[in-house]
Amino acid sequence: MMSTLHLFIAQLRNWQLFILVAVPFVLVLVLAAPDLETAQDMDTIMDQWTTMMLLGLPLILALYVWIWTIGVVANRSLAVSLRRSTRLLDISMPFVMAYIVFAVWAWPSTVMTNDPVMPVGIVLFLHVVATVLLTYALIFAARSMGSLDRDRLAGFGRSLLFVLAIIYFPIGLWWIQPRLNSIARLPDN
């Protein structure tokens, strides 16, 4: 059974998803980035950096939910013998998204000042864990998507195409999202 969030993302048209991720990016470019170039003191730079991160947060969260949705929906649509457990995916993606929200708060102070809000080691450890879990989710989603319409799990080459399509999401969503639209409408097996 798919969650309402996954169903909503999977049924968005490619242009709707593009607008969902493009608007925060444009806001960052228009509202925050020009001020960062003219900032002189560290406090101003830190404030502008935080503004950029806050404006870009919806973009990152939407992208991560999209990766999670690709993994869940594509895996659900595979033949029963090819399906893998989504338990780790369902644990890792909320952790990664929570880390991103935490990073928006902690990174500017931790990296740019002598008085960090958190010890640098803890922030770096959480960053590494989030990176590993996001890499797992990316590979899981790409391999599940590449395995559709096949009688075996996708190999390295086919999975790599989907990894690249997800990483370069402004282009890849035009290719992946129509496939998600079609498989999200399939009844549960």
Foldseek 3Di string as FASTA:
>chain_A
DDDPLLLVQLQDALVRLLCQQVVLVVCLVPPQVVQCVPDDDLVSNLVSLLVSLVSNLSNVLSLLSNLLSLLVLLLQLADPVAHDDCVLVVVLSVLLSVLSVVCSVFVSQAPRDPDGPDDPVVNVVSVVSNVVSSVVSLLSSLQSQLCPPHPYTDDDVSSVVSSVLSVVVSRNSNVVSVVSNVSSPDDGD
